[in-house]
Amino acid sequence: MSLPSFTMRQMLEAGVHFGHSTRRWNPRMKPFIFGERNKIHILDLQQTVPMLYAALKAMSEVTSRGGRVLFVG
């Protein structure tokens, strides 16, 4: 099975770039924050896209060997 394809534009339209309120942030996220707008952090999609592909690839490898993936949220 091939990995899904998506563009940065699709991610923007889906609102993937919206992070948490600026007062609820984790300082370890600073390298991944593009900026701030209306007291909401904006995530850097140029970093998000390749990391999402890497996560999808890792999950694909786990499940192809019969493993399970648990999503918690």
N, C-alpha and C. Protein backbone atom coordinates (compact mmCIF):
# COMPACT_ATOMS: atom_id res chain seq x y z
N MET A 1 0.84 -1.18 0.00
CA MET A 1 0.00 0.00 0.00
C MET A 1 0.89 1.25 0.00
N SER A 2 0.56 2.21 -0.83
CA SER A 2 1.36 3.43 -0.90
C SER A 2 0.89 4.45 0.14
N LEU A 3 1.80 5.32 0.50
CA LEU A 3 1.47 6.36 1.47
C LEU A 3 0.58 7.41 0.81
N PRO A 4 -0.33 8.01 1.58
CA PRO A 4 -1.19 9.05 1.00
C PRO A 4 -0.35 10.26 0.58
N SER A 5 -0.83 10.95 -0.40
CA SER A 5 -0.16 12.14 -0.90
C SER A 5 -0.94 13.38 -0.47
N PHE A 6 -0.24 14.39 -0.02
CA PHE A 6 -0.90 15.64 0.36
C PHE A 6 0.06 16.78 0.11
N THR A 7 -0.49 17.96 -0.05
CA THR A 7 0.33 19.14 -0.30
C THR A 7 0.24 20.10 0.88
N MET A 8 1.16 21.04 0.90
CA MET A 8 1.14 22.04 1.95
C MET A 8 -0.15 22.86 1.88
N ARG A 9 -0.63 23.11 0.67
CA ARG A 9 -1.88 23.87 0.50
C ARG A 9 -3.05 23.11 1.14
N GLN A 10 -3.11 21.80 0.93
CA GLN A 10 -4.19 21.00 1.53
C GLN A 10 -4.11 21.05 3.05
N MET A 11 -2.89 21.03 3.58
CA MET A 11 -2.73 21.09 5.03
C MET A 11 -3.17 22.46 5.56
N LEU A 12 -2.84 23.53 4.83
CA LEU A 12 -3.29 24.87 5.23
C LEU A 12 -4.81 24.95 5.23
N GLU A 13 -5.44 24.43 4.17
CA GLU A 13 -6.90 24.47 4.08
C GLU A 13 -7.56 23.65 5.17
N ALA A 14 -6.89 22.59 5.62
CA ALA A 14 -7.42 21.74 6.68
C ALA A 14 -7.15 22.32 8.08
N GLY A 15 -6.35 23.38 8.15
CA GLY A 15 -6.07 24.00 9.44
C GLY A 15 -5.03 23.29 10.27
N VAL A 16 -4.19 22.48 9.62
CA VAL A 16 -3.17 21.72 10.33
C VAL A 16 -2.16 22.64 11.02
N HIS A 17 -1.99 23.83 10.50
CA HIS A 17 -0.97 24.74 11.01
C HIS A 17 -1.34 25.44 12.32
N PHE A 18 -2.57 25.30 12.78
CA PHE A 18 -2.97 25.96 14.02
C PHE A 18 -2.51 25.15 15.22
N GLY A 19 -1.78 25.80 16.12
CA GLY A 19 -1.30 25.15 17.33
C GLY A 19 -2.14 25.54 18.53
N HIS A 20 -1.53 25.45 19.70
CA HIS A 20 -2.20 25.80 20.94
C HIS A 20 -2.18 27.31 21.18
N SER A 21 -2.94 27.72 22.16
CA SER A 21 -2.90 29.09 22.64
C SER A 21 -1.47 29.42 23.06
N THR A 22 -1.05 30.64 22.83
CA THR A 22 0.33 31.02 23.14
C THR A 22 0.65 30.90 24.63
N ARG A 23 -0.34 30.93 25.48
CA ARG A 23 -0.07 30.81 26.92
C ARG A 23 -0.04 29.36 27.39
N ARG A 24 -0.39 28.40 26.52
CA ARG A 24 -0.39 26.98 26.90
C ARG A 24 0.71 26.20 26.18
N TRP A 25 1.71 26.87 25.69
CA TRP A 25 2.70 26.22 24.85
C TRP A 25 3.77 25.49 25.63
N ASN A 26 4.40 24.55 24.96
CA ASN A 26 5.52 23.81 25.52
C ASN A 26 6.79 24.38 24.88
N PRO A 27 7.73 24.88 25.66
CA PRO A 27 8.94 25.49 25.11
C PRO A 27 9.73 24.56 24.18
N ARG A 28 9.60 23.25 24.34
CA ARG A 28 10.30 22.32 23.44
C ARG A 28 9.75 22.37 22.01
N MET A 29 8.60 23.00 21.82
CA MET A 29 8.01 23.13 20.49
C MET A 29 8.53 24.35 19.74
N LYS A 30 9.33 25.19 20.39
CA LYS A 30 9.79 26.44 19.78
C LYS A 30 10.40 26.25 18.39
N PRO A 31 11.23 25.22 18.14
CA PRO A 31 11.81 25.07 16.79
C PRO A 31 10.77 24.81 15.70
N PHE A 32 9.59 24.38 16.07
CA PHE A 32 8.56 24.01 15.10
C PHE A 32 7.47 25.07 14.94
N ILE A 33 7.61 26.18 15.66
CA ILE A 33 6.61 27.24 15.61
C ILE A 33 7.05 28.31 14.61
N PHE A 34 6.20 28.56 13.64
CA PHE A 34 6.48 29.54 12.59
C PHE A 34 6.24 30.96 13.09
N GLY A 35 5.18 31.13 13.87
CA GLY A 35 4.85 32.46 14.36
C GLY A 35 3.63 32.42 15.25
N GLU A 36 3.01 33.58 15.42
CA GLU A 36 1.87 33.71 16.31
C GLU A 36 0.84 34.62 15.64
N ARG A 37 -0.43 34.25 15.78
CA ARG A 37 -1.50 35.08 15.24
C ARG A 37 -2.72 34.93 16.14
N ASN A 38 -3.27 36.05 16.57
CA ASN A 38 -4.45 36.06 17.44
C ASN A 38 -4.26 35.17 18.67
N LYS A 39 -3.07 35.24 19.26
CA LYS A 39 -2.72 34.48 20.46
C LYS A 39 -2.75 32.96 20.25
N ILE A 40 -2.54 32.54 19.01
CA ILE A 40 -2.44 31.11 18.66
C ILE A 40 -1.11 30.91 17.95
N HIS A 41 -0.39 29.86 18.32
CA HIS A 41 0.85 29.56 17.62
C HIS A 41 0.54 28.95 16.25
N ILE A 42 1.33 29.33 15.27
CA ILE A 42 1.22 28.81 13.91
C ILE A 42 2.41 27.87 13.70
N LEU A 43 2.11 26.61 13.36
CA LEU A 43 3.16 25.62 13.17
C LEU A 43 3.82 25.79 11.81
N ASP A 44 5.09 25.44 11.74
CA ASP A 44 5.87 25.54 10.51
C ASP A 44 5.59 24.31 9.64
N LEU A 45 4.78 24.49 8.60
CA LEU A 45 4.40 23.36 7.75
C LEU A 45 5.55 22.85 6.90
N GLN A 46 6.58 23.66 6.68
CA GLN A 46 7.74 23.18 5.94
C GLN A 46 8.46 22.09 6.72
N GLN A 47 8.34 22.10 8.03
CA GLN A 47 8.90 21.03 8.86
C GLN A 47 7.87 19.93 9.09
N THR A 48 6.60 20.31 9.16
CA THR A 48 5.54 19.35 9.45
C THR A 48 5.37 18.32 8.35
N VAL A 49 5.41 18.76 7.09
CA VAL A 49 5.17 17.85 5.96
C VAL A 49 6.15 16.68 5.95
N PRO A 50 7.48 16.91 5.98
CA PRO A 50 8.39 15.76 5.96
C PRO A 50 8.29 14.89 7.22
N MET A 51 8.01 15.52 8.36
CA MET A 51 7.88 14.73 9.59
C MET A 51 6.63 13.86 9.56
N LEU A 52 5.56 14.38 8.97
CA LEU A 52 4.34 13.59 8.84
C LEU A 52 4.57 12.40 7.92
N TYR A 53 5.28 12.63 6.81
CA TYR A 53 5.61 11.52 5.91
C TYR A 53 6.46 10.47 6.63
N ALA A 54 7.42 10.91 7.44
CA ALA A 54 8.26 9.97 8.20
C ALA A 54 7.42 9.16 9.18
N ALA A 55 6.48 9.82 9.85
CA ALA A 55 5.60 9.11 10.79
C ALA A 55 4.71 8.11 10.06
N LEU A 56 4.18 8.51 8.91
CA LEU A 56 3.35 7.60 8.12
C LEU A 56 4.15 6.39 7.65
N LYS A 57 5.40 6.63 7.24
CA LYS A 57 6.25 5.53 6.79
C LYS A 57 6.53 4.57 7.94
N ALA A 58 6.82 5.11 9.11
CA ALA A 58 7.10 4.27 10.28
C ALA A 58 5.87 3.43 10.64
N MET A 59 4.68 4.04 10.62
CA MET A 59 3.46 3.30 10.93
C MET A 59 3.19 2.24 9.86
N SER A 60 3.49 2.55 8.62
CA SER A 60 3.30 1.60 7.54
C SER A 60 4.21 0.38 7.74
N GLU A 61 5.45 0.63 8.13
CA GLU A 61 6.39 -0.47 8.37
C GLU A 61 5.94 -1.34 9.54
N VAL A 62 5.47 -0.72 10.60
CA VAL A 62 5.00 -1.48 11.77
C VAL A 62 3.80 -2.35 11.40
N THR A 63 2.83 -1.76 10.73
CA THR A 63 1.62 -2.51 10.39
C THR A 63 1.87 -3.57 9.32
N SER A 64 2.85 -3.34 8.44
CA SER A 64 3.14 -4.35 7.41
C SER A 64 3.74 -5.60 8.03
N ARG A 65 4.34 -5.47 9.21
CA ARG A 65 4.89 -6.63 9.92
C ARG A 65 3.88 -7.22 10.91
N GLY A 66 2.64 -6.75 10.83
CA GLY A 66 1.60 -7.29 11.71
C GLY A 66 1.47 -6.56 13.03
N GLY A 67 2.21 -5.48 13.20
CA GLY A 67 2.14 -4.72 14.44
C GLY A 67 0.89 -3.85 14.49
N ARG A 68 0.68 -3.27 15.64
CA ARG A 68 -0.48 -2.40 15.83
C ARG A 68 -0.02 -0.99 16.17
N VAL A 69 -0.85 -0.03 15.81
CA VAL A 69 -0.58 1.37 16.12
C VAL A 69 -1.76 1.87 16.95
N LEU A 70 -1.46 2.48 18.08
CA LEU A 70 -2.48 3.02 18.96
C LEU A 70 -2.43 4.54 18.92
N PHE A 71 -3.54 5.15 18.55
CA PHE A 71 -3.65 6.61 18.55
C PHE A 71 -4.31 7.04 19.85
N VAL A 72 -3.67 7.95 20.55
CA VAL A 72 -4.21 8.47 21.81
C VAL A 72 -4.35 9.97 21.65
N GLY A 73 -5.52 10.47 21.97
CA GLY A 73 -5.69 11.91 21.80
C GLY A 73 -6.87 12.44 22.54
